[in-house]
């Protein structure tokens, strides 16, 4: 019911596997104590600050808006477009489309939280915080996939699948590497990336490599 009204898409859900039965006693690791102490002290400091409230409603928070640095915006736009492609019918987030459609928003909010944790007076989100927000949002997406029964698919497999979909639509199935990185999926614009995707398809039995110097488009080609 909640998923039907879009509620779950607005939540960041984590449900790790139970450790019941293997939670044997261990002495606390001394190396983690300073980290936890710093974290607790930082949260206590932030909670003691005076919050900005609305003049007409003293109990309502009125936080100032935060800007995106140009570099942070570029990171966000790239992630936004990746998410949009991933919610297509054959995309990696198609089974959690509602959540995937909001994933870039989640990344932006997480970046804002991380920024304010570091500097409570910050007014701008930097690229390093946005990249961390993207990393966290991707983790939550993988959790949502797992909880919805969809396997977490690696970027390499998703890219190889998009290459295969494009390849199967070509009139001539015999292709050389340059054709793939010049005209194939946008994420394969470099020979290294195209070669890696072809290797995945080759190892999976979807394509077969031909001998070097096989003639394609009237010329001998090294990688066919």
Protein backbone atom coordinates (compact mmCIF):
# COMPACT_ATOMS: atom_id res chain seq x y z
CA UNK A 1 0.00 0.00 0.00
CA UNK A 2 2.72 2.47 1.00
CA UNK A 3 4.68 1.76 -2.17
CA UNK A 4 1.55 2.46 -4.21
CA UNK A 5 1.40 6.04 -2.91
CA UNK A 6 5.12 6.59 -3.41
CA UNK A 7 6.02 6.62 0.28
CA UNK A 8 8.81 4.04 0.12
CA UNK A 9 10.46 5.90 -2.76
CA UNK A 10 10.99 8.80 -0.37
CA UNK A 11 12.73 6.66 2.24
CA UNK A 12 16.29 5.38 2.55
CA UNK A 13 15.87 1.83 3.76
CA UNK A 14 18.55 -0.49 5.10
CA UNK A 15 17.78 -4.01 6.33
CA UNK A 16 21.03 -5.91 6.88
CA UNK A 17 20.95 -9.64 7.33
CA UNK A 18 20.45 -10.74 10.92
CA UNK A 19 23.54 -11.60 12.96
CA UNK A 20 21.54 -13.56 15.53
CA UNK A 21 23.51 -16.62 16.55
CA UNK A 22 26.93 -15.23 15.68
CA UNK A 23 27.09 -12.20 17.99
CA UNK A 24 29.84 -13.58 20.20
CA UNK A 25 31.53 -11.33 22.70
CA UNK A 26 34.50 -9.32 21.50
CA UNK A 27 36.52 -6.70 23.29
CA UNK A 28 35.84 -3.24 21.83
CA UNK A 29 38.38 -2.27 19.21
CA UNK A 30 40.43 0.61 20.58
CA UNK A 31 40.98 1.97 17.09
CA UNK A 32 37.28 2.78 16.68
CA UNK A 33 36.87 4.63 19.99
CA UNK A 34 38.29 7.99 18.82
CA UNK A 35 36.16 7.90 15.68
CA UNK A 36 32.94 7.26 17.60
CA UNK A 37 33.88 9.87 20.20
CA UNK A 38 34.50 12.50 17.53
CA UNK A 39 31.21 11.61 15.83
CA UNK A 40 29.20 11.84 19.05
CA UNK A 41 30.87 15.11 20.02
CA UNK A 42 30.15 16.58 16.59
CA UNK A 43 26.47 15.66 16.74
CA UNK A 44 26.18 17.05 20.27
CA UNK A 45 27.73 20.32 19.10
CA UNK A 46 25.33 20.60 16.17
CA UNK A 47 22.28 19.84 18.29
CA UNK A 48 23.20 22.60 20.74
CA UNK A 49 23.19 25.24 18.01
CA UNK A 50 20.30 27.65 17.69
CA UNK A 51 18.03 26.69 14.81
CA UNK A 52 16.64 29.22 12.34
CA UNK A 53 12.84 29.36 12.63
CA UNK A 54 10.09 31.20 10.81
CA UNK A 55 9.21 34.59 12.32
CA UNK A 56 5.48 33.83 12.17
CA UNK A 57 5.87 30.24 13.40
CA UNK A 58 8.61 29.93 16.04
CA UNK A 59 8.22 26.14 16.15
CA UNK A 60 8.76 25.74 12.38
CA UNK A 61 12.30 25.44 11.06
CA UNK A 62 13.32 27.79 8.27
CA UNK A 63 16.72 26.59 7.01
CA UNK A 64 18.40 28.75 4.36
CA UNK A 65 18.69 27.23 0.87
CA UNK A 66 22.01 25.73 -0.16
CA UNK A 67 23.62 26.33 -3.53
CA UNK A 68 25.39 23.80 -5.70
CA UNK A 69 28.93 24.60 -6.74
CA UNK A 70 29.29 24.27 -10.52
CA UNK A 71 31.47 21.17 -10.12
CA UNK A 72 28.95 19.64 -7.72
CA UNK A 73 26.15 20.38 -10.17
CA UNK A 74 28.08 18.58 -12.92
CA UNK A 75 28.43 15.51 -10.68
CA UNK A 76 24.71 15.65 -9.86
CA UNK A 77 23.61 16.01 -13.49
CA UNK A 78 25.75 13.04 -14.53
CA UNK A 79 24.21 10.89 -11.78
CA UNK A 80 20.71 12.15 -12.58
CA UNK A 81 21.05 11.08 -16.21
CA UNK A 82 22.50 7.70 -15.22
CA UNK A 83 19.48 7.13 -12.98
CA UNK A 84 17.12 8.15 -15.76
CA UNK A 85 18.67 5.61 -18.12
CA UNK A 86 18.58 2.96 -15.38
CA UNK A 87 14.80 3.22 -14.87
CA UNK A 88 14.13 2.34 -18.52
CA UNK A 89 12.43 -1.05 -19.05
CA UNK A 90 15.77 -2.83 -19.53
CA UNK A 91 17.68 -0.71 -17.01
CA UNK A 92 19.27 -1.77 -13.76
CA UNK A 93 16.71 0.12 -11.66
CA UNK A 94 13.63 -0.86 -13.65
CA UNK A 95 12.35 -3.07 -10.81
CA UNK A 96 12.44 -0.12 -8.38
CA UNK A 97 11.48 2.61 -10.84
CA UNK A 98 9.75 4.91 -8.32
CA UNK A 99 12.78 4.89 -6.04
CA UNK A 100 15.17 5.19 -8.97
CA UNK A 101 13.32 8.26 -10.23
CA UNK A 102 14.03 10.00 -6.91
CA UNK A 103 17.55 8.69 -6.46
CA UNK A 104 19.27 11.85 -7.70
CA UNK A 105 17.19 13.90 -5.24
CA UNK A 106 18.29 11.60 -2.44
CA UNK A 107 21.92 12.07 -3.49
CA UNK A 108 21.52 15.85 -3.33
CA UNK A 109 19.97 15.76 0.13
CA UNK A 110 22.65 13.40 1.42
CA UNK A 111 25.32 15.73 0.04
CA UNK A 112 23.69 18.63 1.88
CA UNK A 113 23.65 16.68 5.16
CA UNK A 114 27.32 15.76 4.78
CA UNK A 115 28.17 19.38 4.00
CA UNK A 116 26.40 20.70 7.10
CA UNK A 117 27.97 18.01 9.25
CA UNK A 118 31.39 19.32 8.22
CA UNK A 119 30.43 23.00 8.39
CA UNK A 120 27.10 23.98 9.91
CA UNK A 121 27.36 27.46 8.37
CA UNK A 122 28.04 26.26 4.83
CA UNK A 123 25.87 27.72 2.08
CA UNK A 124 27.29 25.76 -0.85
CA UNK A 125 27.64 22.05 -1.64
CA UNK A 126 31.01 21.11 -3.12
CA UNK A 127 31.75 18.34 -5.59
CA UNK A 128 33.42 16.09 -3.00
CA UNK A 129 30.25 16.12 -0.89
CA UNK A 130 28.07 15.49 -3.93
CA UNK A 131 30.20 12.53 -4.95
CA UNK A 132 29.82 11.12 -1.43
CA UNK A 133 26.06 11.67 -1.70
CA UNK A 134 26.05 9.73 -4.97
CA UNK A 135 28.00 6.89 -3.35
CA UNK A 136 25.54 6.68 -0.47
CA UNK A 137 22.51 6.92 -2.76
CA UNK A 138 23.90 4.07 -4.87
CA UNK A 139 24.26 1.96 -1.73
CA UNK A 140 20.62 2.59 -0.81
CA UNK A 141 19.57 1.71 -4.36
CA UNK A 142 21.38 -1.61 -4.08
CA UNK A 143 19.64 -2.25 -0.75
CA UNK A 144 16.27 -1.48 -2.32
CA UNK A 145 17.04 -3.85 -5.19
CA UNK A 146 17.99 -6.59 -2.75
CA UNK A 147 14.87 -6.10 -0.64
CA UNK A 148 12.71 -6.14 -3.75
CA UNK A 149 14.22 -9.40 -4.92
CA UNK A 150 16.31 -7.82 -7.66
CA UNK A 151 19.95 -8.78 -7.67
CA UNK A 152 22.54 -6.05 -7.39
CA UNK A 153 23.93 -5.74 -10.89
CA UNK A 154 27.42 -4.38 -11.39
CA UNK A 155 28.05 -1.39 -13.62
CA UNK A 156 30.09 -3.60 -15.96
CA UNK A 157 27.19 -6.01 -16.49
CA UNK A 158 24.69 -3.20 -17.02
CA UNK A 159 26.99 -1.59 -19.59
CA UNK A 160 27.51 -4.91 -21.35
CA UNK A 161 23.74 -5.44 -21.46
CA UNK A 162 23.21 -2.03 -23.07
CA UNK A 163 25.91 -2.83 -25.61
CA UNK A 164 24.23 -6.16 -26.42
CA UNK A 165 20.84 -4.46 -26.84
CA UNK A 166 22.38 -1.95 -29.26
CA UNK A 167 24.38 -4.63 -31.07
CA UNK A 168 21.34 -6.79 -31.69
CA UNK A 169 19.73 -3.86 -33.48
CA UNK A 170 22.55 -3.48 -36.01
CA UNK A 171 21.94 -4.73 -39.58
CA UNK A 172 25.38 -6.39 -39.71
CA UNK A 173 26.41 -8.28 -36.55
CA UNK A 174 30.09 -8.28 -37.56
CA UNK A 175 31.55 -5.17 -35.92
CA UNK A 176 35.00 -3.86 -35.18
CA UNK A 177 35.91 -2.05 -31.98
CA UNK A 178 36.00 1.45 -33.47
CA UNK A 179 32.38 1.13 -34.60
CA UNK A 180 31.35 0.34 -31.03
CA UNK A 181 33.07 3.28 -29.35
CA UNK A 182 32.11 5.69 -32.14
CA UNK A 183 28.45 4.76 -32.57
CA UNK A 184 27.54 2.47 -29.66
CA UNK A 185 26.12 3.35 -26.21
CA UNK A 186 27.29 6.71 -24.89
CA UNK A 187 29.22 5.26 -21.95
CA UNK A 188 31.52 3.42 -24.40
CA UNK A 189 33.13 6.39 -26.10
CA UNK A 190 36.65 5.19 -25.25
CA UNK A 191 38.33 2.11 -26.67
CA UNK A 192 39.19 0.81 -23.19
CA UNK A 193 35.56 0.90 -22.03
CA UNK A 194 34.28 -0.62 -25.28
CA UNK A 195 36.88 -3.39 -25.11
CA UNK A 196 35.89 -4.22 -21.51
CA UNK A 197 32.20 -4.47 -22.42
CA UNK A 198 32.98 -6.70 -25.41
CA UNK A 199 35.06 -8.94 -23.13
CA UNK A 200 32.07 -9.42 -20.82
CA UNK A 201 29.88 -10.41 -23.77
CA UNK A 202 32.60 -12.69 -25.15
CA UNK A 203 33.07 -14.48 -21.82
CA UNK A 204 29.30 -14.87 -21.52
CA UNK A 205 29.03 -16.45 -24.97
CA UNK A 206 27.02 -13.65 -26.58
CA UNK A 207 29.68 -12.66 -29.10
CA UNK A 208 32.62 -14.37 -30.75
CA UNK A 209 35.93 -12.72 -31.56
CA UNK A 210 37.16 -13.10 -35.13
CA UNK A 211 40.83 -13.37 -36.14
CA UNK A 212 42.87 -10.14 -36.28
CA UNK A 213 42.91 -8.40 -39.66
CA UNK A 214 39.45 -9.68 -40.55
CA UNK A 215 38.14 -7.35 -43.25
CA UNK A 216 35.20 -5.21 -42.11
CA UNK A 217 33.88 -2.22 -44.05
CA UNK A 218 36.54 -2.79 -46.68
CA UNK A 219 39.54 -2.68 -44.33
CA UNK A 220 41.44 -5.22 -42.21
CA UNK A 221 40.66 -4.63 -38.54
CA UNK A 222 42.68 -5.61 -35.47
CA UNK A 223 39.72 -6.22 -33.14
CA UNK A 224 36.59 -7.75 -34.69
